[in-house]
Protein backbone atom coordinates (compact mmCIF):
# COMPACT_ATOMS: atom_id res chain seq x y z
CA MET A 1 20.43 -65.06 -58.59
CA ASP A 2 20.51 -61.77 -57.22
CA THR A 3 24.09 -60.46 -57.34
CA THR A 4 23.60 -57.77 -54.83
CA LYS A 5 23.35 -60.35 -51.83
CA LYS A 6 27.05 -60.39 -51.48
CA TYR A 7 27.11 -56.85 -50.60
CA LYS A 8 24.74 -57.29 -47.74
CA ILE A 9 27.29 -57.80 -45.11
CA PHE A 10 25.75 -55.75 -42.42
CA ASN A 11 23.35 -57.23 -40.03
CA ARG A 12 21.16 -55.12 -37.54
CA ASP A 13 23.52 -54.71 -34.94
CA MET A 14 26.60 -54.07 -37.06
CA MET A 15 24.67 -51.08 -38.41
CA LYS A 16 23.56 -49.45 -35.30
CA CYS A 17 27.15 -49.73 -33.67
CA LEU A 18 28.59 -48.42 -36.96
CA ALA A 19 26.14 -45.30 -36.68
CA ILE A 20 26.51 -44.58 -33.26
CA PHE A 21 30.34 -44.88 -33.21
CA ILE A 22 30.09 -42.11 -36.25
CA MET A 23 27.47 -40.36 -34.11
CA PHE A 24 29.41 -40.22 -30.61
CA TRP A 25 32.99 -39.06 -32.20
CA GLY A 26 31.09 -36.10 -33.96
CA HIS A 27 29.25 -35.23 -31.01
CA LEU A 28 32.39 -35.49 -28.60
CA ILE A 29 34.22 -33.10 -30.89
CA GLY A 30 31.29 -30.62 -31.90
CA TRP A 31 30.05 -30.35 -28.16
CA VAL A 32 33.38 -29.92 -26.60
CA LEU A 33 33.98 -27.19 -29.05
CA MET A 34 30.52 -25.73 -28.36
CA ASP A 35 31.09 -25.52 -24.57
CA ARG A 36 34.16 -23.53 -25.47
CA TYR A 37 32.53 -20.93 -27.50
CA ASP A 38 29.75 -20.77 -25.07
CA GLY A 39 26.97 -22.26 -27.42
CA ASP A 40 27.79 -20.00 -30.26
CA ILE A 41 27.52 -22.75 -33.18
CA THR A 42 28.63 -19.73 -35.79
CA LYS A 43 32.15 -20.33 -34.46
CA TYR A 44 32.34 -23.57 -36.24
CA TYR A 45 32.67 -22.19 -39.31
CA GLU A 46 36.02 -20.38 -37.95
CA LEU A 47 37.57 -24.21 -37.37
CA PRO A 48 39.87 -25.86 -39.96
CA LEU A 49 37.64 -27.55 -42.56
CA TRP A 50 38.71 -31.36 -41.45
CA GLU A 51 37.10 -30.71 -38.08
CA LEU A 52 34.14 -29.24 -39.18
CA ILE A 53 33.92 -32.33 -41.31
CA LEU A 54 34.72 -34.68 -38.86
CA ILE A 55 31.75 -32.97 -36.60
CA TYR A 56 29.41 -33.23 -39.53
CA THR A 57 29.81 -36.85 -40.12
CA SER A 58 27.82 -37.64 -37.05
CA LEU A 59 24.79 -37.07 -39.41
CA PHE A 60 25.44 -40.31 -40.93
CA CYS A 61 23.49 -41.61 -37.66
CA PRO A 62 19.98 -39.96 -38.08
CA PRO A 63 18.87 -41.73 -41.41
CA VAL A 64 20.24 -44.93 -39.89
CA MET A 65 17.85 -44.55 -36.99
CA PHE A 66 14.70 -43.35 -39.30
CA PHE A 67 15.31 -46.57 -41.34
CA PHE A 68 15.32 -48.78 -38.19
CA ILE A 69 12.16 -46.98 -37.03
CA GLU A 70 10.53 -48.35 -40.24
CA ASP A 71 12.05 -51.57 -39.76
CA GLY A 72 10.76 -51.81 -36.25
CA PHE A 73 7.23 -50.97 -36.99
CA LYS A 74 7.26 -53.55 -39.59
CA TYR A 75 8.81 -56.47 -37.84
CA THR A 76 7.96 -55.71 -33.95
CA ARG A 77 5.59 -58.02 -32.30
CA ASP A 78 3.92 -55.58 -30.48
CA ARG A 79 3.86 -51.92 -31.84
CA LYS A 80 2.18 -50.26 -28.78
CA LYS A 81 4.94 -51.64 -26.44
CA TYR A 82 7.62 -50.33 -28.93
CA ALA A 83 6.08 -47.18 -28.75
CA LYS A 84 6.05 -47.28 -25.09
CA ARG A 85 9.34 -48.03 -24.77
CA LEU A 86 10.77 -44.91 -27.23
CA PHE A 87 9.08 -42.56 -24.90
CA ILE A 88 10.22 -43.84 -21.88
CA PHE A 89 13.91 -43.83 -22.87
CA ALA A 90 13.26 -40.34 -24.81
CA CYS A 91 12.63 -38.79 -21.12
CA ILE A 92 15.21 -40.67 -19.93
CA ALA A 93 17.77 -39.23 -22.28
CA GLN A 94 16.38 -35.71 -22.00
CA PRO A 95 18.36 -34.53 -18.81
CA PHE A 96 21.44 -35.68 -20.66
CA ASP A 97 20.67 -34.13 -23.72
CA TRP A 98 20.14 -30.76 -22.15
CA LEU A 99 23.90 -31.31 -20.47
CA CYS A 100 25.26 -30.43 -23.68
CA CYS A 101 22.80 -28.90 -25.91
CA HIS A 102 21.04 -26.40 -23.75
CA LYS A 103 23.58 -23.47 -24.39
CA ALA A 104 22.97 -23.96 -28.20
CA PHE A 105 19.41 -24.56 -28.43
CA GLY A 106 18.08 -23.70 -25.28
CA TRP A 107 15.88 -25.56 -22.50
CA TRP A 108 13.25 -25.98 -24.64
CA HIS A 109 15.19 -28.31 -27.13
CA THR A 110 14.34 -32.20 -26.98
CA ASN A 111 16.23 -35.07 -28.01
CA VAL A 112 15.80 -37.16 -31.16
CA ILE A 113 14.07 -40.16 -29.71
CA PHE A 114 11.17 -37.90 -29.10
CA THR A 115 10.93 -37.70 -32.91
CA LEU A 116 11.29 -41.15 -33.13
CA PHE A 117 8.44 -42.06 -30.92
CA PHE A 118 6.28 -39.59 -32.80
CA GLY A 119 7.72 -41.07 -36.18
CA LEU A 120 6.19 -44.44 -35.25
CA LEU A 121 3.00 -43.06 -34.17
CA ALA A 122 2.69 -41.51 -37.44
CA LEU A 123 3.44 -44.77 -39.00
CA MET A 124 0.62 -46.52 -36.66
CA ALA A 125 -1.61 -43.58 -37.56
CA TRP A 126 -1.03 -44.17 -41.48
CA GLU A 127 -1.72 -47.72 -41.39
CA SER A 128 -4.60 -47.55 -39.08
CA ARG A 129 -8.23 -48.19 -40.23
CA PHE A 130 -9.50 -44.73 -39.86
CA ARG A 131 -10.28 -42.52 -42.72
CA LEU A 132 -7.94 -40.65 -45.17
CA TRP A 133 -8.39 -37.46 -43.77
CA GLN A 134 -8.46 -38.84 -39.93
CA ARG A 135 -5.03 -40.28 -40.73
CA ILE A 136 -3.24 -37.19 -42.12
CA GLY A 137 -4.84 -35.04 -39.42
CA LEU A 138 -3.09 -37.48 -37.08
CA ILE A 139 0.25 -37.34 -38.88
CA LEU A 140 0.17 -33.57 -38.98
CA LEU A 141 -0.42 -33.46 -35.12
CA CYS A 142 2.34 -35.86 -34.52
CA MET A 143 4.52 -33.13 -36.80
CA GLY A 144 3.06 -30.38 -34.99
CA ALA A 145 3.86 -32.03 -31.48
CA THR A 146 7.78 -32.36 -32.67
CA ALA A 147 7.84 -28.96 -33.34
CA ALA A 148 6.49 -27.70 -30.59
CA ILE A 149 8.92 -29.27 -28.38
CA GLN A 150 11.56 -28.41 -30.71
CA SER A 151 12.85 -32.19 -30.95
CA ASP A 152 15.88 -32.90 -33.04
CA TRP A 153 14.84 -33.50 -36.93
CA PHE A 154 11.22 -32.56 -35.98
CA ILE A 155 9.20 -32.42 -38.99
CA PHE A 156 11.70 -33.55 -41.35
CA GLY A 157 12.52 -36.55 -39.32
CA ILE A 158 8.59 -37.59 -39.72
CA LEU A 159 8.89 -37.18 -43.32
CA PHE A 160 11.95 -39.32 -43.73
CA ILE A 161 10.45 -42.01 -41.67
CA LEU A 162 7.14 -42.03 -43.87
CA ILE A 163 8.97 -41.77 -47.33
CA ILE A 164 10.77 -44.58 -46.06
CA HIS A 165 7.95 -46.78 -45.20
CA GLY A 166 5.70 -45.64 -47.89
CA PHE A 167 7.94 -46.48 -50.81
CA ARG A 168 9.66 -49.43 -49.31
CA GLU A 169 8.39 -51.34 -52.36
CA LYS A 170 9.29 -48.83 -54.92
CA PRO A 171 12.92 -48.15 -54.41
CA LYS A 172 13.59 -45.84 -57.50
CA VAL A 173 10.76 -43.48 -56.01
CA ARG A 174 11.97 -43.92 -52.50
CA CYS A 175 15.70 -43.01 -53.84
CA ILE A 176 14.21 -39.77 -55.26
CA THR A 177 11.85 -38.43 -52.51
CA TYR A 178 14.81 -39.28 -49.99
CA PHE A 179 17.48 -37.51 -51.62
CA GLY A 180 15.13 -34.68 -52.84
CA LEU A 181 13.74 -33.99 -49.28
CA SER A 182 17.85 -34.17 -48.06
CA ALA A 183 18.49 -31.60 -50.72
CA LEU A 184 15.58 -29.61 -49.25
CA TYR A 185 16.75 -29.91 -45.67
CA PHE A 186 20.11 -28.78 -46.06
CA GLY A 187 19.60 -26.44 -48.60
CA LEU A 188 17.73 -24.25 -46.00
CA ASN A 189 21.11 -23.81 -44.60
CA LEU A 190 22.21 -21.37 -47.90
CA LEU A 191 19.86 -18.90 -46.07
CA SER A 192 23.27 -18.16 -44.14
CA LEU A 193 25.03 -16.99 -46.89
CA GLY A 194 26.49 -13.60 -46.42
CA LYS A 195 26.16 -14.02 -42.42
CA VAL A 196 28.89 -16.62 -42.09
CA PRO A 197 32.14 -17.78 -44.25
CA THR A 198 30.99 -19.10 -47.69
CA VAL A 199 33.43 -21.71 -48.16
CA PRO A 200 32.81 -23.23 -44.49
CA LEU A 201 29.21 -23.26 -45.00
CA LEU A 202 29.26 -24.88 -48.28
CA VAL A 203 31.41 -27.75 -46.82
CA GLU A 204 29.16 -28.22 -44.11
CA ILE A 205 25.98 -28.80 -46.52
CA ALA A 206 28.26 -31.27 -48.88
CA THR A 207 29.15 -33.18 -45.54
CA MET A 208 26.08 -33.43 -44.20
CA PHE A 209 24.47 -34.42 -47.80
CA LEU A 210 27.26 -37.11 -48.43
CA MET A 211 26.55 -38.63 -44.60
CA PHE A 212 22.83 -39.00 -46.02
CA VAL A 213 23.99 -40.46 -49.13
CA ALA A 214 26.36 -42.86 -47.43
CA ALA A 215 23.58 -43.57 -44.73
CA TYR A 216 20.87 -44.60 -47.60
CA LEU A 217 23.46 -46.76 -49.25
CA CYS A 218 24.33 -48.92 -46.34
CA MET A 219 20.72 -49.48 -45.43
CA THR A 220 19.66 -50.67 -48.91
CA VAL A 221 22.84 -52.21 -50.67
CA PHE A 222 24.88 -53.36 -47.29
CA TYR A 223 22.28 -54.21 -45.00
CA ASN A 224 21.29 -57.80 -44.93
CA GLY A 225 18.11 -57.26 -42.61
CA LYS A 226 19.52 -59.69 -40.19
CA LYS A 227 19.32 -59.71 -36.31
CA GLY A 228 22.86 -59.89 -34.91
CA ARG A 229 24.26 -62.21 -32.72
CA TYR A 230 22.71 -61.17 -29.31
CA PRO A 231 19.44 -59.05 -30.23
CA GLU A 232 18.04 -58.70 -26.54
CA PHE A 233 21.28 -57.42 -25.36
CA ALA A 234 22.01 -55.44 -28.37
CA LYS A 235 18.49 -53.47 -28.15
CA TRP A 236 19.08 -52.47 -24.56
CA PHE A 237 22.48 -51.14 -25.34
CA PHE A 238 21.56 -48.87 -27.67
CA TYR A 239 18.59 -47.56 -25.84
CA ILE A 240 21.18 -47.02 -22.97
CA PHE A 241 23.83 -45.80 -25.09
CA TYR A 242 22.19 -42.78 -26.21
CA PRO A 243 21.91 -40.67 -22.90
CA LEU A 244 24.92 -42.34 -21.50
CA HIS A 245 27.50 -41.01 -24.77
CA TYR A 246 25.84 -37.36 -23.78
CA PHE A 247 26.98 -37.79 -20.27
CA ILE A 248 30.33 -38.81 -21.31
CA ILE A 249 30.59 -35.99 -23.29
CA TRP A 250 29.57 -33.85 -20.63
CA ILE A 251 32.34 -34.90 -18.54
CA VAL A 252 35.02 -34.79 -21.08
CA GLU A 253 33.86 -31.14 -21.77
CA ASN A 254 34.34 -30.42 -18.10
CA ILE A 255 37.75 -32.07 -18.32
CA VAL A 256 39.11 -30.26 -21.50
CA ASN A 257 37.62 -27.05 -20.98
CA ARG A 258 37.54 -26.25 -17.13
């Protein structure tokens, strides 16, 4: 008997609700402050450490999204329809993303759903019947597209999705490569040493990495792979909530800061 089954307490909708709840509060605090600081993200390092930690707990959400893209790729009945839906909602979410993010990242920045869309295309390319060099070429095109449009997590998001999919049946290898890529991504922040206060920078990096650890544990230990009670309602709710949460944050920004 598999004793780990007793820990699998979260279904798909519960996991998504947990992820977006954490994302919402982290984004709310972070982007309200960002508006106050006129888009200067370095001001975060002047915050009390507890506020900095609370902002970066929002990074629990991205790896959960990456896991569910791979999960959706495996179980959806129509992958092309799934990709089309992701692209449509990425476009719908973009104006709302600009409301909050343009001061920090510019108007060329695009939202994470575009990365999820190209991540799904990369999985479709990898599992296609094309020759190996053609599949690799298509994946590189997907990565290049995310870099060109500056979508959240861009190349790294696609790499996480490919790792989760490619090593699904090899949990030890998946764990090592996942955490190795996480360490590389967050370790790049060390390039800011000497430019920003050291302790807040290290706290930021540690918080982000721990959120990726927590998300990985939730998706591999506590997630039971089952749908929620109302899967059709939940599917559309999560698509709608992403642009909606930016709109709510924009309203709060205007109330609090102006």
